[in-house]
Amino acid sequence: MTGFGTQWSNDAHLWWIEAKPGEKLELALPVANAGEHKLAIVITGANENAVKAYMFGLDYVKLVEAK
């Protein structure tokens, strides 16, 4: 993902490929402290020139305690 600048974290995407319509991807997100959190994610957007497929890349998920 180096061609897209510095918004990616360490080339460590989780790629979900060969998904089918209606399928779900569930991830466990451990939290250090109980309470309300804000969720930030960075995912790879669609490429208009790519072959159409149900896939995406998850770069990171970040939980931040709400203040």
N, C-alpha and C. Protein backbone atom coordinates (compact mmCIF):
# COMPACT_ATOMS: atom_id res chain seq x y z
N MET A 1 0.82 -1.20 0.00
CA MET A 1 0.00 0.00 0.00
C MET A 1 0.86 1.26 0.00
N THR A 2 2.14 1.10 -0.21
CA THR A 2 3.04 2.25 -0.14
C THR A 2 2.73 3.30 -1.21
N GLY A 3 2.12 2.91 -2.30
CA GLY A 3 1.77 3.86 -3.35
C GLY A 3 0.67 4.83 -2.97
N PHE A 4 0.03 4.62 -1.83
CA PHE A 4 -1.08 5.47 -1.40
C PHE A 4 -0.68 6.45 -0.30
N GLY A 5 0.60 6.61 -0.03
CA GLY A 5 1.03 7.57 0.97
C GLY A 5 1.22 6.94 2.34
N THR A 6 1.14 7.78 3.37
CA THR A 6 1.49 7.35 4.72
C THR A 6 0.30 7.05 5.61
N GLN A 7 -0.92 7.01 5.07
CA GLN A 7 -2.08 6.76 5.93
C GLN A 7 -2.21 5.30 6.37
N TRP A 8 -1.43 4.41 5.79
CA TRP A 8 -1.50 2.99 6.13
C TRP A 8 -0.52 2.65 7.24
N SER A 9 -0.82 1.63 8.01
CA SER A 9 0.03 1.27 9.14
C SER A 9 0.81 -0.02 8.88
N ASN A 10 2.06 0.11 8.55
CA ASN A 10 3.00 -1.02 8.48
C ASN A 10 2.64 -2.12 7.49
N ASP A 11 1.93 -1.83 6.43
CA ASP A 11 1.57 -2.85 5.43
C ASP A 11 0.99 -4.11 6.07
N ALA A 12 0.10 -3.95 7.02
CA ALA A 12 -0.44 -5.09 7.77
C ALA A 12 -1.95 -5.18 7.62
N HIS A 13 -2.45 -5.02 6.40
CA HIS A 13 -3.89 -5.13 6.18
C HIS A 13 -4.41 -6.53 6.49
N LEU A 14 -5.63 -6.59 6.97
CA LEU A 14 -6.38 -7.84 6.99
C LEU A 14 -7.23 -7.79 5.72
N TRP A 15 -6.98 -8.69 4.80
CA TRP A 15 -7.75 -8.73 3.55
C TRP A 15 -8.86 -9.76 3.65
N TRP A 16 -10.09 -9.32 3.40
CA TRP A 16 -11.22 -10.24 3.34
C TRP A 16 -11.56 -10.39 1.86
N ILE A 17 -11.32 -11.57 1.33
CA ILE A 17 -11.54 -11.82 -0.09
C ILE A 17 -12.54 -12.95 -0.27
N GLU A 18 -13.09 -13.02 -1.45
CA GLU A 18 -14.04 -14.06 -1.83
C GLU A 18 -15.27 -14.08 -0.93
N ALA A 19 -15.68 -12.92 -0.44
CA ALA A 19 -16.91 -12.84 0.35
C ALA A 19 -18.11 -12.97 -0.58
N LYS A 20 -19.23 -13.31 -0.02
CA LYS A 20 -20.49 -13.41 -0.76
C LYS A 20 -21.45 -12.36 -0.22
N PRO A 21 -22.36 -11.85 -1.06
CA PRO A 21 -23.33 -10.87 -0.56
C PRO A 21 -24.08 -11.40 0.66
N GLY A 22 -24.19 -10.56 1.68
CA GLY A 22 -24.89 -10.93 2.90
C GLY A 22 -24.00 -11.54 3.97
N GLU A 23 -22.78 -11.93 3.63
CA GLU A 23 -21.87 -12.48 4.64
C GLU A 23 -21.38 -11.38 5.56
N LYS A 24 -20.98 -11.78 6.76
CA LYS A 24 -20.50 -10.84 7.77
C LYS A 24 -19.13 -11.26 8.24
N LEU A 25 -18.32 -10.27 8.56
CA LEU A 25 -17.02 -10.50 9.17
C LEU A 25 -17.09 -9.96 10.59
N GLU A 26 -16.88 -10.82 11.57
CA GLU A 26 -16.93 -10.40 12.96
C GLU A 26 -15.53 -10.44 13.55
N LEU A 27 -15.18 -9.35 14.25
CA LEU A 27 -13.87 -9.24 14.87
C LEU A 27 -14.06 -8.94 16.35
N ALA A 28 -13.23 -9.54 17.18
CA ALA A 28 -13.23 -9.23 18.62
C ALA A 28 -12.28 -8.06 18.85
N LEU A 29 -12.74 -7.09 19.62
CA LEU A 29 -11.91 -5.92 19.93
C LEU A 29 -11.72 -5.84 21.44
N PRO A 30 -10.58 -6.27 21.93
CA PRO A 30 -10.35 -6.19 23.37
C PRO A 30 -10.19 -4.73 23.81
N VAL A 31 -10.74 -4.40 24.97
CA VAL A 31 -10.62 -3.05 25.52
C VAL A 31 -9.98 -3.14 26.90
N ALA A 32 -9.13 -2.15 27.19
CA ALA A 32 -8.43 -2.14 28.48
C ALA A 32 -9.36 -1.73 29.61
N ASN A 33 -10.26 -0.77 29.34
CA ASN A 33 -11.15 -0.24 30.38
C ASN A 33 -12.59 -0.24 29.88
N ALA A 34 -13.50 -0.69 30.73
CA ALA A 34 -14.92 -0.67 30.38
C ALA A 34 -15.39 0.76 30.25
N GLY A 35 -16.42 0.97 29.44
CA GLY A 35 -16.98 2.30 29.30
C GLY A 35 -17.21 2.64 27.83
N GLU A 36 -17.57 3.87 27.58
CA GLU A 36 -17.87 4.34 26.23
C GLU A 36 -16.57 4.66 25.49
N HIS A 37 -16.52 4.22 24.23
CA HIS A 37 -15.34 4.45 23.39
C HIS A 37 -15.77 5.00 22.04
N LYS A 38 -14.85 5.68 21.38
CA LYS A 38 -15.02 6.08 20.00
C LYS A 38 -14.27 5.07 19.15
N LEU A 39 -14.81 4.77 17.99
CA LEU A 39 -14.23 3.78 17.09
C LEU A 39 -13.73 4.49 15.84
N ALA A 40 -12.48 4.25 15.49
CA ALA A 40 -11.90 4.77 14.26
C ALA A 40 -11.37 3.59 13.47
N ILE A 41 -11.65 3.56 12.17
CA ILE A 41 -11.13 2.50 11.32
C ILE A 41 -10.57 3.10 10.04
N VAL A 42 -9.62 2.41 9.46
CA VAL A 42 -9.12 2.76 8.13
C VAL A 42 -9.26 1.51 7.27
N ILE A 43 -10.01 1.65 6.19
CA ILE A 43 -10.21 0.53 5.26
C ILE A 43 -9.78 0.97 3.87
N THR A 44 -9.51 -0.01 3.02
CA THR A 44 -9.13 0.26 1.65
C THR A 44 -10.40 0.51 0.85
N GLY A 45 -10.50 1.70 0.14
CA GLY A 45 -11.68 2.04 -0.68
C GLY A 45 -11.69 1.30 -1.99
N ALA A 46 -12.84 1.31 -2.72
CA ALA A 46 -13.00 0.61 -4.01
C ALA A 46 -12.17 1.30 -5.09
N ASN A 47 -11.65 0.49 -6.01
CA ASN A 47 -10.91 0.98 -7.17
C ASN A 47 -11.83 0.85 -8.37
N GLU A 48 -12.14 1.97 -9.00
CA GLU A 48 -13.09 1.97 -10.14
C GLU A 48 -12.61 1.08 -11.29
N ASN A 49 -11.30 0.90 -11.42
CA ASN A 49 -10.75 0.13 -12.54
C ASN A 49 -10.56 -1.35 -12.23
N ALA A 50 -10.83 -1.76 -11.00
CA ALA A 50 -10.63 -3.16 -10.61
C ALA A 50 -11.81 -4.02 -11.02
N VAL A 51 -11.56 -5.32 -11.11
CA VAL A 51 -12.63 -6.28 -11.34
C VAL A 51 -13.56 -6.23 -10.13
N LYS A 52 -14.86 -6.18 -10.35
CA LYS A 52 -15.82 -6.08 -9.25
C LYS A 52 -15.82 -7.37 -8.43
N ALA A 53 -15.61 -7.22 -7.12
CA ALA A 53 -15.57 -8.36 -6.21
C ALA A 53 -16.00 -7.89 -4.83
N TYR A 54 -16.41 -8.81 -4.01
CA TYR A 54 -16.78 -8.49 -2.62
C TYR A 54 -15.55 -8.72 -1.75
N MET A 55 -14.78 -7.66 -1.53
CA MET A 55 -13.57 -7.77 -0.74
C MET A 55 -13.22 -6.40 -0.17
N PHE A 56 -12.43 -6.39 0.88
CA PHE A 56 -11.89 -5.14 1.38
C PHE A 56 -10.67 -5.42 2.24
N GLY A 57 -9.90 -4.38 2.46
CA GLY A 57 -8.74 -4.47 3.33
C GLY A 57 -8.96 -3.62 4.56
N LEU A 58 -8.76 -4.21 5.71
CA LEU A 58 -8.88 -3.49 6.99
C LEU A 58 -7.47 -3.18 7.46
N ASP A 59 -7.13 -1.89 7.53
CA ASP A 59 -5.79 -1.50 7.95
C ASP A 59 -5.70 -1.46 9.46
N TYR A 60 -6.60 -0.73 10.12
CA TYR A 60 -6.59 -0.76 11.58
C TYR A 60 -7.92 -0.37 12.17
N VAL A 61 -8.11 -0.79 13.40
CA VAL A 61 -9.26 -0.41 14.22
C VAL A 61 -8.67 0.20 15.49
N LYS A 62 -9.15 1.35 15.85
CA LYS A 62 -8.63 2.03 17.04
C LYS A 62 -9.79 2.42 17.95
N LEU A 63 -9.71 1.99 19.21
CA LEU A 63 -10.69 2.39 20.21
C LEU A 63 -10.09 3.46 21.10
N VAL A 64 -10.82 4.56 21.26
CA VAL A 64 -10.36 5.66 22.09
C VAL A 64 -11.44 5.92 23.14
N GLU A 65 -11.04 5.96 24.40
CA GLU A 65 -12.01 6.22 25.46
C GLU A 65 -12.65 7.59 25.25
N ALA A 66 -13.99 7.62 25.31
CA ALA A 66 -14.72 8.87 25.16
C ALA A 66 -14.51 9.73 26.41
N LYS A 67 -14.45 11.01 26.22
CA LYS A 67 -14.22 11.91 27.35
C LYS A 67 -15.45 12.69 27.69
